Amino acid sequence: METQRSLIKSFKYAFEGILFSVRHNRNMRIHLTVAVLVILASIYFKISAYEMGILGVMIILVICTEMINSALEEMVDLIINEHRKEAKIAKDVGAGMVLVASIGAVIVGILIFTPHIVRMFR
């Protein structure tokens, strides 16, 4: 019974982390909005399950990197209260991680949606 309670608490904490990220992180809200638009476009263009799976993985990758970056920024702010080169580097690398994932997601999106968009105009 204690294990079940512990598991439920773990899920509760995880959902609190997700909600915190959505409420306090403008970029997370942007990523989620884009994710919804991508899903709606996927439905409109009737993309294959395989393509939807790839897009789903890319959406999850971008959201996860944004959450890791947010956690990193919070930790740096907690530990270091002044402007330091090392803190800037940590934050910049975290932001770079999100940028790389986002660029990858855009490239994958272009590769998947371009044939469907071209077909629409034929």
PDB file of N, CA and C in Angstrom:
ATOM      1  N   MET A   1       0.822  -1.195   0.000  1.00  0.00           N
ATOM      2  CA  MET A   1       0.000   0.000   0.000  1.00  0.00           C
ATOM      3  C   MET A   1       0.868   1.262   0.000  1.00  0.00           C
ATOM      4  N   GLU A   2       1.968   1.226   0.767  1.00  0.00           N
ATOM      5  CA  GLU A   2       2.875   2.377   0.829  1.00  0.00           C
ATOM      6  C   GLU A   2       3.519   2.634  -0.533  1.00  0.00           C
ATOM      7  N   THR A   3       3.843   1.560  -1.270  1.00  0.00           N
ATOM      8  CA  THR A   3       4.437   1.706  -2.596  1.00  0.00           C
ATOM      9  C   THR A   3       3.460   2.395  -3.537  1.00  0.00           C
ATOM     10  N   GLN A   4       2.188   2.021  -3.441  1.00  0.00           N
ATOM     11  CA  GLN A   4       1.170   2.630  -4.293  1.00  0.00           C
ATOM     12  C   GLN A   4       1.033   4.125  -3.970  1.00  0.00           C
ATOM     13  N   ARG A   5       1.039   4.464  -2.686  1.00  0.00           N
ATOM     14  CA  ARG A   5       0.953   5.863  -2.270  1.00  0.00           C
ATOM     15  C   ARG A   5       2.165   6.645  -2.774  1.00  0.00           C
ATOM     16  N   SER A   6       3.331   6.017  -2.697  1.00  0.00           N
ATOM     17  CA  SER A   6       4.560   6.648  -3.164  1.00  0.00           C
ATOM     18  C   SER A   6       4.499   6.897  -4.677  1.00  0.00           C
ATOM     19  N   LEU A   7       3.957   5.937  -5.423  1.00  0.00           N
ATOM     20  CA  LEU A   7       3.820   6.082  -6.869  1.00  0.00           C
ATOM     21  C   LEU A   7       2.849   7.212  -7.204  1.00  0.00           C
ATOM     22  N   ILE A   8       1.751   7.268  -6.486  1.00  0.00           N
ATOM     23  CA  ILE A   8       0.766   8.333  -6.705  1.00  0.00           C
ATOM     24  C   ILE A   8       1.393   9.694  -6.415  1.00  0.00           C
ATOM     25  N   LYS A   9       2.174   9.784  -5.333  1.00  0.00           N
ATOM     26  CA  LYS A   9       2.866  11.039  -5.012  1.00  0.00           C
ATOM     27  C   LYS A   9       3.845  11.423  -6.119  1.00  0.00           C
ATOM     28  N   SER A  10       4.543  10.440  -6.662  1.00  0.00           N
ATOM     29  CA  SER A  10       5.497  10.710  -7.741  1.00  0.00           C
ATOM     30  C   SER A  10       4.793  11.320  -8.949  1.00  0.00           C
ATOM     31  N   PHE A  11       3.641  10.741  -9.316  1.00  0.00           N
ATOM     32  CA  PHE A  11       2.872  11.283 -10.437  1.00  0.00           C
ATOM     33  C   PHE A  11       2.370  12.689 -10.118  1.00  0.00           C
ATOM     34  N   LYS A  12       1.937  12.897  -8.883  1.00  0.00           N
ATOM     35  CA  LYS A  12       1.455  14.221  -8.458  1.00  0.00           C
ATOM     36  C   LYS A  12       2.567  15.253  -8.618  1.00  0.00           C
ATOM     37  N   TYR A  13       3.768  14.933  -8.149  1.00  0.00           N
ATOM     38  CA  TYR A  13       4.898  15.854  -8.267  1.00  0.00           C
ATOM     39  C   TYR A  13       5.252  16.109  -9.735  1.00  0.00           C
ATOM     40  N   ALA A  14       5.182  15.062 -10.545  1.00  0.00           N
ATOM     41  CA  ALA A  14       5.489  15.210 -11.972  1.00  0.00           C
ATOM     42  C   ALA A  14       4.495  16.161 -12.640  1.00  0.00           C
ATOM     43  N   PHE A  15       3.207  15.988 -12.351  1.00  0.00           N
ATOM     44  CA  PHE A  15       2.198  16.875 -12.935  1.00  0.00           C
ATOM     45  C   PHE A  15       2.351  18.306 -12.420  1.00  0.00           C
ATOM     46  N   GLU A  16       2.740  18.465 -11.156  1.00  0.00           N
ATOM     47  CA  GLU A  16       3.004  19.803 -10.621  1.00  0.00           C
ATOM     48  C   GLU A  16       4.152  20.461 -11.380  1.00  0.00           C
ATOM     49  N   GLY A  17       5.174  19.676 -11.715  1.00  0.00           N
ATOM     50  CA  GLY A  17       6.298  20.202 -12.488  1.00  0.00           C
ATOM     51  C   GLY A  17       5.877  20.635 -13.880  1.00  0.00           C
ATOM     52  N   ILE A  18       5.038  19.831 -14.519  1.00  0.00           N
ATOM     53  CA  ILE A  18       4.541  20.181 -15.853  1.00  0.00           C
ATOM     54  C   ILE A  18       3.719  21.461 -15.780  1.00  0.00           C
ATOM     55  N   LEU A  19       2.805  21.530 -14.814  1.00  0.00           N
ATOM     56  CA  LEU A  19       1.963  22.721 -14.673  1.00  0.00           C
ATOM     57  C   LEU A  19       2.792  23.963 -14.362  1.00  0.00           C
ATOM     58  N   PHE A  20       3.798  23.820 -13.509  1.00  0.00           N
ATOM     59  CA  PHE A  20       4.682  24.954 -13.215  1.00  0.00           C
ATOM     60  C   PHE A  20       5.335  25.448 -14.499  1.00  0.00           C
ATOM     61  N   SER A  21       5.831  24.516 -15.284  1.00  0.00           N
ATOM     62  CA  SER A  21       6.518  24.873 -16.519  1.00  0.00           C
ATOM     63  C   SER A  21       5.583  25.607 -17.479  1.00  0.00           C
ATOM     64  N   VAL A  22       4.342  25.154 -17.580  1.00  0.00           N
ATOM     65  CA  VAL A  22       3.375  25.794 -18.477  1.00  0.00           C
ATOM     66  C   VAL A  22       2.994  27.179 -17.951  1.00  0.00           C
ATOM     67  N   ARG A  23       2.767  27.274 -16.652  1.00  0.00           N
ATOM     68  CA  ARG A  23       2.320  28.549 -16.067  1.00  0.00           C
ATOM     69  C   ARG A  23       3.410  29.622 -16.059  1.00  0.00           C
ATOM     70  N   HIS A  24       4.640  29.224 -15.856  1.00  0.00           N
ATOM     71  CA  HIS A  24       5.711  30.193 -15.628  1.00  0.00           C
ATOM     72  C   HIS A  24       6.707  30.319 -16.778  1.00  0.00           C
ATOM     73  N   ASN A  25       6.485  29.603 -17.864  1.00  0.00           N
ATOM     74  CA  ASN A  25       7.464  29.611 -18.945  1.00  0.00           C
ATOM     75  C   ASN A  25       6.768  29.939 -20.262  1.00  0.00           C
ATOM     76  N   ARG A  26       6.982  31.148 -20.734  1.00  0.00           N
ATOM     77  CA  ARG A  26       6.367  31.597 -21.990  1.00  0.00           C
ATOM     78  C   ARG A  26       6.754  30.682 -23.149  1.00  0.00           C
ATOM     79  N   ASN A  27       8.016  30.276 -23.202  1.00  0.00           N
ATOM     80  CA  ASN A  27       8.460  29.415 -24.297  1.00  0.00           C
ATOM     81  C   ASN A  27       7.740  28.070 -24.286  1.00  0.00           C
ATOM     82  N   MET A  28       7.450  27.539 -23.098  1.00  0.00           N
ATOM     83  CA  MET A  28       6.710  26.277 -23.023  1.00  0.00           C
ATOM     84  C   MET A  28       5.315  26.456 -23.618  1.00  0.00           C
ATOM     85  N   ARG A  29       4.678  27.572 -23.317  1.00  0.00           N
ATOM     86  CA  ARG A  29       3.346  27.824 -23.882  1.00  0.00           C
ATOM     87  C   ARG A  29       3.421  27.949 -25.403  1.00  0.00           C
ATOM     88  N   ILE A  30       4.481  28.564 -25.901  1.00  0.00           N
ATOM     89  CA  ILE A  30       4.669  28.661 -27.354  1.00  0.00           C
ATOM     90  C   ILE A  30       4.846  27.266 -27.947  1.00  0.00           C
ATOM     91  N   HIS A  31       5.689  26.436 -27.340  1.00  0.00           N
ATOM     92  CA  HIS A  31       5.911  25.077 -27.841  1.00  0.00           C
ATOM     93  C   HIS A  31       4.612  24.276 -27.838  1.00  0.00           C
ATOM     94  N   LEU A  32       3.826  24.398 -26.790  1.00  0.00           N
ATOM     95  CA  LEU A  32       2.557  23.660 -26.717  1.00  0.00           C
ATOM     96  C   LEU A  32       1.566  24.154 -27.767  1.00  0.00           C
ATOM     97  N   THR A  33       1.533  25.456 -28.005  1.00  0.00           N
ATOM     98  CA  THR A  33       0.653  26.006 -29.041  1.00  0.00           C
ATOM     99  C   THR A  33       1.053  25.478 -30.412  1.00  0.00           C
ATOM    100  N   VAL A  34       2.347  25.489 -30.694  1.00  0.00           N
ATOM    101  CA  VAL A  34       2.834  24.959 -31.973  1.00  0.00           C
ATOM    102  C   VAL A  34       2.518  23.467 -32.072  1.00  0.00           C
ATOM    103  N   ALA A  35       2.667  22.732 -30.978  1.00  0.00           N
ATOM    104  CA  ALA A  35       2.362  21.295 -30.979  1.00  0.00           C
ATOM    105  C   ALA A  35       0.900  21.052 -31.339  1.00  0.00           C
ATOM    106  N   VAL A  36       0.000  21.840 -30.768  1.00  0.00           N
ATOM    107  CA  VAL A  36      -1.428  21.698 -31.086  1.00  0.00           C
ATOM    108  C   VAL A  36      -1.665  21.999 -32.562  1.00  0.00           C
ATOM    109  N   LEU A  37      -1.034  23.046 -33.090  1.00  0.00           N
ATOM    110  CA  LEU A  37      -1.185  23.382 -34.512  1.00  0.00           C
ATOM    111  C   LEU A  37      -0.651  22.266 -35.407  1.00  0.00           C
ATOM    112  N   VAL A  38       0.462  21.665 -35.021  1.00  0.00           N
ATOM    113  CA  VAL A  38       1.032  20.550 -35.790  1.00  0.00           C
ATOM    114  C   VAL A  38       0.076  19.359 -35.773  1.00  0.00           C
ATOM    115  N   ILE A  39      -0.503  19.073 -34.622  1.00  0.00           N
ATOM    116  CA  ILE A  39      -1.455  17.959 -34.522  1.00  0.00           C
ATOM    117  C   ILE A  39      -2.685  18.236 -35.380  1.00  0.00           C
ATOM    118  N   LEU A  40      -3.202  19.467 -35.340  1.00  0.00           N
ATOM    119  CA  LEU A  40      -4.355  19.822 -36.178  1.00  0.00           C
ATOM    120  C   LEU A  40      -4.010  19.710 -37.663  1.00  0.00           C
ATOM    121  N   ALA A  41      -2.816  20.160 -38.053  1.00  0.00           N
ATOM    122  CA  ALA A  41      -2.380  20.031 -39.448  1.00  0.00           C
ATOM    123  C   ALA A  41      -2.245  18.563 -39.835  1.00  0.00           C
ATOM    124  N   SER A  42      -1.783  17.740 -38.906  1.00  0.00           N
ATOM    125  CA  SER A  42      -1.646  16.301 -39.164  1.00  0.00           C
ATOM    126  C   SER A  42      -3.000  15.667 -39.442  1.00  0.00           C
ATOM    127  N   ILE A  43      -3.994  16.089 -38.693  1.00  0.00           N
ATOM    128  CA  ILE A  43      -5.353  15.579 -38.899  1.00  0.00           C
ATOM    129  C   ILE A  43      -5.890  16.073 -40.241  1.00  0.00           C
ATOM    130  N   TYR A  44      -5.700  17.350 -40.526  1.00  0.00           N
ATOM    131  CA  TYR A  44      -6.193  17.941 -41.771  1.00  0.00           C
ATOM    132  C   TYR A  44      -5.595  17.247 -42.991  1.00  0.00           C
ATOM    133  N   PHE A  45      -4.288  17.016 -42.967  1.00  0.00           N
ATOM    134  CA  PHE A  45      -3.610  16.406 -44.108  1.00  0.00           C
ATOM    135  C   PHE A  45      -3.663  14.878 -44.096  1.00  0.00           C
ATOM    136  N   LYS A  46      -4.272  14.314 -43.062  1.00  0.00           N
ATOM    137  CA  LYS A  46      -4.398  12.850 -42.941  1.00  0.00           C
ATOM    138  C   LYS A  46      -3.035  12.164 -43.113  1.00  0.00           C
ATOM    139  N   ILE A  47      -2.065  12.614 -42.346  1.00  0.00           N
ATOM    140  CA  ILE A  47      -0.739  12.015 -42.451  1.00  0.00           C
ATOM    141  C   ILE A  47      -0.773  10.591 -41.891  1.00  0.00           C
ATOM    142  N   SER A  48       0.196   9.801 -42.282  1.00  0.00           N
ATOM    143  CA  SER A  48       0.235   8.397 -41.867  1.00  0.00           C
ATOM    144  C   SER A  48       0.556   8.274 -40.377  1.00  0.00           C
ATOM    145  N   ALA A  49       0.258   7.111 -39.845  1.00  0.00           N
ATOM    146  CA  ALA A  49       0.566   6.843 -38.433  1.00  0.00           C
ATOM    147  C   ALA A  49       2.075   6.929 -38.202  1.00  0.00           C
ATOM    148  N   TYR A  50       2.845   6.474 -39.162  1.00  0.00           N
ATOM    149  CA  TYR A  50       4.309   6.546 -39.069  1.00  0.00           C
ATOM    150  C   TYR A  50       4.769   8.002 -38.966  1.00  0.00           C
ATOM    151  N   GLU A  51       4.240   8.849 -39.853  1.00  0.00           N
ATOM    152  CA  GLU A  51       4.604  10.269 -39.821  1.00  0.00           C
ATOM    153  C   GLU A  51       4.155  10.920 -38.515  1.00  0.00           C
ATOM    154  N   MET A  52       2.959  10.561 -38.054  1.00  0.00           N
ATOM    155  CA  MET A  52       2.460  11.117 -36.792  1.00  0.00           C
ATOM    156  C   MET A  52       3.342  10.678 -35.628  1.00  0.00           C
ATOM    157  N   GLY A  53       3.817   9.449 -35.686  1.00  0.00           N
ATOM    158  CA  GLY A  53       4.729   8.965 -34.651  1.00  0.00           C
ATOM    159  C   GLY A  53       6.018   9.771 -34.608  1.00  0.00           C
ATOM    160  N   ILE A  54       6.560  10.050 -35.781  1.00  0.00           N
ATOM    161  CA  ILE A  54       7.787  10.851 -35.853  1.00  0.00           C
ATOM    162  C   ILE A  54       7.534  12.261 -35.313  1.00  0.00           C
ATOM    163  N   LEU A  55       6.422  12.868 -35.732  1.00  0.00           N
ATOM    164  CA  LEU A  55       6.095  14.205 -35.229  1.00  0.00           C
ATOM    165  C   LEU A  55       5.882  14.181 -33.716  1.00  0.00           C
ATOM    166  N   GLY A  56       5.232  13.129 -33.228  1.00  0.00           N
ATOM    167  CA  GLY A  56       5.007  13.000 -31.785  1.00  0.00           C
ATOM    168  C   GLY A  56       6.311  12.941 -31.013  1.00  0.00           C
ATOM    169  N   VAL A  57       7.263  12.178 -31.524  1.00  0.00           N
ATOM    170  CA  VAL A  57       8.576  12.087 -30.868  1.00  0.00           C
ATOM    171  C   VAL A  57       9.264  13.454 -30.877  1.00  0.00           C
ATOM    172  N   MET A  58       9.168  14.176 -31.979  1.00  0.00           N
ATOM    173  CA  MET A  58       9.801  15.499 -32.057  1.00  0.00           C
ATOM    174  C   MET A  58       9.136  16.491 -31.102  1.00  0.00           C
ATOM    175  N   ILE A  59       7.811  16.433 -31.009  1.00  0.00           N
ATOM    176  CA  ILE A  59       7.091  17.307 -30.070  1.00  0.00           C
ATOM    177  C   ILE A  59       7.544  17.017 -28.647  1.00  0.00           C
ATOM    178  N   ILE A  60       7.600  15.745 -28.299  1.00  0.00           N
ATOM    179  CA  ILE A  60       8.024  15.354 -26.947  1.00  0.00           C
ATOM    180  C   ILE A  60       9.466  15.789 -26.695  1.00  0.00           C
ATOM    181  N   LEU A  61      10.331  15.641 -27.693  1.00  0.00           N
ATOM    182  CA  LEU A  61      11.732  16.057 -27.548  1.00  0.00           C
ATOM    183  C   LEU A  61      11.838  17.548 -27.230  1.00  0.00           C
ATOM    184  N   VAL A  62      11.114  18.369 -27.983  1.00  0.00           N
ATOM    185  CA  VAL A  62      11.179  19.817 -27.764  1.00  0.00           C
ATOM    186  C   VAL A  62      10.635  20.179 -26.384  1.00  0.00           C
ATOM    187  N   ILE A  63       9.511  19.590 -26.006  1.00  0.00           N
ATOM    188  CA  ILE A  63       8.918  19.891 -24.697  1.00  0.00           C
ATOM    189  C   ILE A  63       9.847  19.433 -23.571  1.00  0.00           C
ATOM    190  N   CYS A  64      10.429  18.252 -23.708  1.00  0.00           N
ATOM    191  CA  CYS A  64      11.352  17.762 -22.671  1.00  0.00           C
ATOM    192  C   CYS A  64      12.593  18.638 -22.561  1.00  0.00           C
ATOM    193  N   THR A  65      13.156  19.057 -23.690  1.00  0.00           N
ATOM    194  CA  THR A  65      14.342  19.912 -23.604  1.00  0.00           C
ATOM    195  C   THR A  65      13.997  21.258 -22.975  1.00  0.00           C
ATOM    196  N   GLU A  66      12.808  21.771 -23.255  1.00  0.00           N
ATOM    197  CA  GLU A  66      12.384  23.031 -22.634  1.00  0.00           C
ATOM    198  C   GLU A  66      12.237  22.864 -21.124  1.00  0.00           C
ATOM    199  N   MET A  67      11.708  21.729 -20.697  1.00  0.00           N
ATOM    200  CA  MET A  67      11.550  21.481 -19.260  1.00  0.00           C
ATOM    201  C   MET A  67      12.912  21.306 -18.580  1.00  0.00           C
ATOM    202  N   ILE A  68      13.831  20.603 -19.236  1.00  0.00           N
ATOM    203  CA  ILE A  68      15.184  20.453 -18.686  1.00  0.00           C
ATOM    204  C   ILE A  68      15.849  21.824 -18.574  1.00  0.00           C
ATOM    205  N   ASN A  69      15.700  22.637 -19.608  1.00  0.00           N
ATOM    206  CA  ASN A  69      16.278  23.975 -19.589  1.00  0.00           C
ATOM    207  C   ASN A  69      15.685  24.814 -18.454  1.00  0.00           C
ATOM    208  N   SER A  70      14.386  24.722 -18.256  1.00  0.00           N
ATOM    209  CA  SER A  70      13.740  25.471 -17.164  1.00  0.00           C
ATOM    210  C   SER A  70      14.268  25.021 -15.811  1.00  0.00           C
ATOM    211  N   ALA A  71      14.398  23.708 -15.631  1.00  0.00           N
ATOM    212  CA  ALA A  71      14.922  23.185 -14.362  1.00  0.00           C
ATOM    213  C   ALA A  71      16.361  23.650 -14.153  1.00  0.00           C
ATOM    214  N   LEU A  72      17.154  23.627 -15.216  1.00  0.00           N
ATOM    215  CA  LEU A  72      18.542  24.086 -15.141  1.00  0.00           C
ATOM    216  C   LEU A  72      18.611  25.560 -14.746  1.00  0.00           C
ATOM    217  N   GLU A  73      17.784  26.384 -15.375  1.00  0.00           N
ATOM    218  CA  GLU A  73      17.776  27.812 -15.053  1.00  0.00           C
ATOM    219  C   GLU A  73      17.369  28.052 -13.602  1.00  0.00           C
ATOM    220  N   GLU A  74      16.353  27.325 -13.129  1.00  0.00           N
ATOM    221  CA  GLU A  74      15.915  27.475 -11.733  1.00  0.00           C
ATOM    222  C   GLU A  74      17.040  27.091 -10.769  1.00  0.00           C
ATOM    223  N   MET A  75      17.744  25.995 -11.076  1.00  0.00           N
ATOM    224  CA  MET A  75      18.838  25.549 -10.206  1.00  0.00           C
ATOM    225  C   MET A  75      19.987  26.558 -10.198  1.00  0.00           C
ATOM    226  N   VAL A  76      20.335  27.069 -11.367  1.00  0.00           N
ATOM    227  CA  VAL A  76      21.411  28.062 -11.438  1.00  0.00           C
ATOM    228  C   VAL A  76      21.030  29.298 -10.631  1.00  0.00           C
ATOM    229  N   ASP A  77      19.782  29.753 -10.781  1.00  0.00           N
ATOM    230  CA  ASP A  77      19.333  30.929 -10.026  1.00  0.00           C
ATOM    231  C   ASP A  77      19.336  30.667  -8.524  1.00  0.00           C
ATOM    232  N   LEU A  78      19.025  29.436  -8.125  1.00  0.00           N
ATOM    233  CA  LEU A  78      19.003  29.081  -6.706  1.00  0.00           C
ATOM    234  C   LEU A  78      20.417  29.076  -6.115  1.00  0.00           C
ATOM    235  N   ILE A  79      21.351  28.533  -6.870  1.00  0.00           N
ATOM    236  CA  ILE A  79      22.715  28.352  -6.369  1.00  0.00           C
ATOM    237  C   ILE A  79      23.546  29.628  -6.482  1.00  0.00           C
ATOM    238  N   ILE A  80      23.377  30.340  -7.586  1.00  0.00           N
ATOM    239  CA  ILE A  80      24.222  31.504  -7.863  1.00  0.00           C
ATOM    240  C   ILE A  80      23.346  32.754  -7.907  1.00  0.00           C
ATOM    241  N   ASN A  81      23.567  33.647  -6.975  1.00  0.00           N
ATOM    242  CA  ASN A  81      22.741  34.850  -6.878  1.00  0.00           C
ATOM    243  C   ASN A  81      23.353  36.076  -7.549  1.00  0.00           C
ATOM    244  N   GLU A  82      24.501  35.924  -8.152  1.00  0.00           N
ATOM    245  CA  GLU A  82      25.117  37.063  -8.828  1.00  0.00           C
ATOM    246  C   GLU A  82      25.429  36.664 -10.270  1.00  0.00           C
ATOM    247  N   HIS A  83      25.731  37.672 -11.082  1.00  0.00           N
ATOM    248  CA  HIS A  83      26.089  37.396 -12.476  1.00  0.00           C
ATOM    249  C   HIS A  83      27.487  36.795 -12.516  1.00  0.00           C
ATOM    250  N   ARG A  84      27.552  35.558 -13.017  1.00  0.00           N
ATOM    251  CA  ARG A  84      28.849  34.890 -13.159  1.00  0.00           C
ATOM    252  C   ARG A  84      28.922  34.257 -14.536  1.00  0.00           C
ATOM    253  N   LYS A  85      30.124  34.212 -15.055  1.00  0.00           N
ATOM    254  CA  LYS A  85      30.356  33.654 -16.385  1.00  0.00           C
ATOM    255  C   LYS A  85      29.853  32.208 -16.462  1.00  0.00           C
ATOM    256  N   GLU A  86      30.128  31.418 -15.429  1.00  0.00           N
ATOM    257  CA  GLU A  86      29.736  29.999 -15.434  1.00  0.00           C
ATOM    258  C   GLU A  86      28.215  29.834 -15.458  1.00  0.00           C
ATOM    259  N   ALA A  87      27.513  30.697 -14.743  1.00  0.00           N
ATOM    260  CA  ALA A  87      26.049  30.642 -14.737  1.00  0.00           C
ATOM    261  C   ALA A  87      25.506  30.973 -16.120  1.00  0.00           C
ATOM    262  N   LYS A  88      26.082  31.977 -16.753  1.00  0.00           N
ATOM    263  CA  LYS A  88      25.662  32.352 -18.105  1.00  0.00           C
ATOM    264  C   LYS A  88      25.903  31.208 -19.079  1.00  0.00           C
ATOM    265  N   ILE A  89      27.053  30.572 -18.968  1.00  0.00           N
ATOM    266  CA  ILE A  89      27.369  29.450 -19.854  1.00  0.00           C
ATOM    267  C   ILE A  89      26.354  28.326 -19.670  1.00  0.00           C
ATOM    268  N   ALA A  90      26.054  27.976 -18.424  1.00  0.00           N
ATOM    269  CA  ALA A  90      25.087  26.904 -18.159  1.00  0.00           C
ATOM    270  C   ALA A  90      23.729  27.238 -18.766  1.00  0.00           C
ATOM    271  N   LYS A  91      23.279  28.471 -18.576  1.00  0.00           N
ATOM    272  CA  LYS A  91      21.982  28.881 -19.121  1.00  0.00           C
ATOM    273  C   LYS A  91      22.007  28.923 -20.649  1.00  0.00           C
ATOM    274  N   ASP A  92      23.090  29.419 -21.222  1.00  0.00           N
ATOM    275  CA  ASP A  92      23.204  29.492 -22.680  1.00  0.00           C
ATOM    276  C   ASP A  92      23.230  28.106 -23.313  1.00  0.00           C
ATOM    277  N   VAL A  93      23.940  27.179 -22.694  1.00  0.00           N
ATOM    278  CA  VAL A  93      23.991  25.808 -23.222  1.00  0.00           C
ATOM    279  C   VAL A  93      22.603  25.176 -23.149  1.00  0.00           C
ATOM    280  N   GLY A  94      21.890  25.398 -22.052  1.00  0.00           N
ATOM    281  CA  GLY A  94      20.526  24.886 -21.933  1.00  0.00           C
ATOM    282  C   GLY A  94      19.616  25.453 -23.010  1.00  0.00           C
ATOM    283  N   ALA A  95      19.726  26.761 -23.245  1.00  0.00           N
ATOM    284  CA  ALA A  95      18.920  27.391 -24.293  1.00  0.00           C
ATOM    285  C   ALA A  95      19.313  26.851 -25.667  1.00  0.00           C
ATOM    286  N   GLY A  96      20.607  26.613 -25.865  1.00  0.00           N
ATOM    287  CA  GLY A  96      21.073  26.039 -27.126  1.00  0.00           C
ATOM    288  C   GLY A  96      20.505  24.654 -27.367  1.00  0.00           C
ATOM    289  N   MET A  97      20.378  23.869 -26.294  1.00  0.00           N
ATOM    290  CA  MET A  97      19.793  22.531 -26.398  1.00  0.00           C
ATOM    291  C   MET A  97      18.370  22.621 -26.940  1.00  0.00           C
ATOM    292  N   VAL A  98      17.596  23.554 -26.409  1.00  0.00           N
ATOM    293  CA  VAL A  98      16.216  23.723 -26.864  1.00  0.00           C
ATOM    294  C   VAL A  98      16.193  24.184 -28.317  1.00  0.00           C
ATOM    295  N   LEU A  99      17.089  25.092 -28.668  1.00  0.00           N
ATOM    296  CA  LEU A  99      17.146  25.586 -30.043  1.00  0.00           C
ATOM    297  C   LEU A  99      17.468  24.463 -31.024  1.00  0.00           C
ATOM    298  N   VAL A 100      18.444  23.629 -30.696  1.00  0.00           N
ATOM    299  CA  VAL A 100      18.809  22.511 -31.574  1.00  0.00           C
ATOM    300  C   VAL A 100      17.622  21.560 -31.753  1.00  0.00           C
ATOM    301  N   ALA A 101      16.947  21.222 -30.657  1.00  0.00           N
ATOM    302  CA  ALA A 101      15.780  20.337 -30.739  1.00  0.00           C
ATOM    303  C   ALA A 101      14.675  20.980 -31.575  1.00  0.00           C
ATOM    304  N   SER A 102      14.460  22.276 -31.392  1.00  0.00           N
ATOM    305  CA  SER A 102      13.410  22.981 -32.137  1.00  0.00           C
ATOM    306  C   SER A 102      13.725  23.047 -33.626  1.00  0.00           C
ATOM    307  N   ILE A 103      14.973  23.326 -33.965  1.00  0.00           N
ATOM    308  CA  ILE A 103      15.367  23.353 -35.381  1.00  0.00           C
ATOM    309  C   ILE A 103      15.185  21.969 -35.995  1.00  0.00           C
ATOM    310  N   GLY A 104      15.582  20.934 -35.264  1.00  0.00           N
ATOM    311  CA  GLY A 104      15.370  19.567 -35.747  1.00  0.00           C
ATOM    312  C   GLY A 104      13.896  19.277 -35.976  1.00  0.00           C
ATOM    313  N   ALA A 105      13.048  19.728 -35.062  1.00  0.00           N
ATOM    314  CA  ALA A 105      11.606  19.503 -35.199  1.00  0.00           C
ATOM    315  C   ALA A 105      11.049  20.240 -36.415  1.00  0.00           C
ATOM    316  N   VAL A 106      11.525  21.452 -36.648  1.00  0.00           N
ATOM    317  CA  VAL A 106      11.072  22.213 -37.817  1.00  0.00           C
ATOM    318  C   VAL A 106      11.497  21.508 -39.101  1.00  0.00           C
ATOM    319  N   ILE A 107      12.725  21.027 -39.159  1.00  0.00           N
ATOM    320  CA  ILE A 107      13.204  20.310 -40.350  1.00  0.00           C
ATOM    321  C   ILE A 107      12.358  19.065 -40.596  1.00  0.00           C
ATOM    322  N   VAL A 108      12.099  18.290 -39.552  1.00  0.00           N
ATOM    323  CA  VAL A 108      11.264  17.090 -39.686  1.00  0.00           C
ATOM    324  C   VAL A 108       9.862  17.483 -40.145  1.00  0.00           C
ATOM    325  N   GLY A 109       9.313  18.545 -39.561  1.00  0.00           N
ATOM    326  CA  GLY A 109       7.984  19.012 -39.962  1.00  0.00           C
ATOM    327  C   GLY A 109       7.938  19.404 -41.428  1.00  0.00           C
ATOM    328  N   ILE A 110       8.959  20.107 -41.895  1.00  0.00           N
ATOM    329  CA  ILE A 110       9.025  20.497 -43.309  1.00  0.00           C
ATOM    330  C   ILE A 110       9.079  19.257 -44.192  1.00  0.00           C
ATOM    331  N   LEU A 111       9.913  18.288 -43.823  1.00  0.00           N
ATOM    332  CA  LEU A 111      10.036  17.061 -44.623  1.00  0.00           C
ATOM    333  C   LEU A 111       8.717  16.290 -44.671  1.00  0.00           C
ATOM    334  N   ILE A 112       7.978  16.288 -43.577  1.00  0.00           N
ATOM    335  CA  ILE A 112       6.721  15.531 -43.537  1.00  0.00           C
ATOM    336  C   ILE A 112       5.592  16.287 -44.227  1.00  0.00           C
ATOM    337  N   PHE A 113       5.464  17.586 -43.978  1.00  0.00           N
ATOM    338  CA  PHE A 113       4.305  18.325 -44.484  1.00  0.00           C
ATOM    339  C   PHE A 113       4.445  18.813 -45.924  1.00  0.00           C
ATOM    340  N   THR A 114       5.666  19.033 -46.408  1.00  0.00           N
ATOM    341  CA  THR A 114       5.837  19.580 -47.758  1.00  0.00           C
ATOM    342  C   THR A 114       5.126  18.763 -48.835  1.00  0.00           C
ATOM    343  N   PRO A 115       5.280  17.441 -48.889  1.00  0.00           N
ATOM    344  CA  PRO A 115       4.568  16.689 -49.933  1.00  0.00           C
ATOM    345  C   PRO A 115       3.042  16.842 -49.841  1.00  0.00           C
ATOM    346  N   HIS A 116       2.511  16.918 -48.635  1.00  0.00           N
ATOM    347  CA  HIS A 116       1.063  17.069 -48.453  1.00  0.00           C
ATOM    348  C   HIS A 116       0.597  18.448 -48.911  1.00  0.00           C
ATOM    349  N   ILE A 117       1.384  19.467 -48.631  1.00  0.00           N
ATOM    350  CA  ILE A 117       1.028  20.832 -49.036  1.00  0.00           C
ATOM    351  C   ILE A 117       1.130  20.973 -50.551  1.00  0.00           C
ATOM    352  N   VAL A 118       2.185  20.406 -51.146  1.00  0.00           N
ATOM    353  CA  VAL A 118       2.355  20.458 -52.602  1.00  0.00           C
ATOM    354  C   VAL A 118       1.181  19.765 -53.287  1.00  0.00           C
ATOM    355  N   ARG A 119       0.784  18.591 -52.795  1.00  0.00           N
ATOM    356  CA  ARG A 119      -0.350  17.849 -53.349  1.00  0.00           C
ATOM    357  C   ARG A 119      -1.636  18.669 -53.297  1.00  0.00           C
ATOM    358  N   MET A 120      -1.782  19.469 -52.260  1.00  0.00           N
ATOM    359  CA  MET A 120      -2.990  20.264 -52.082  1.00  0.00           C
ATOM    360  C   MET A 120      -3.128  21.313 -53.191  1.00  0.00           C
ATOM    361  N   PHE A 121      -2.012  21.795 -53.736  1.00  0.00           N
ATOM    362  CA  PHE A 121      -2.048  22.842 -54.749  1.00  0.00           C
ATOM    363  C   PHE A 121      -1.960  22.310 -56.179  1.00  0.00           C
ATOM    364  N   ARG A 122      -1.975  21.017 -56.345  1.00  0.00           N
ATOM    365  CA  ARG A 122      -1.929  20.445 -57.707  1.00  0.00           C
ATOM    366  C   ARG A 122      -3.298  20.386 -58.303  1.00  0.00           C
TER     367      ARG A 122
END
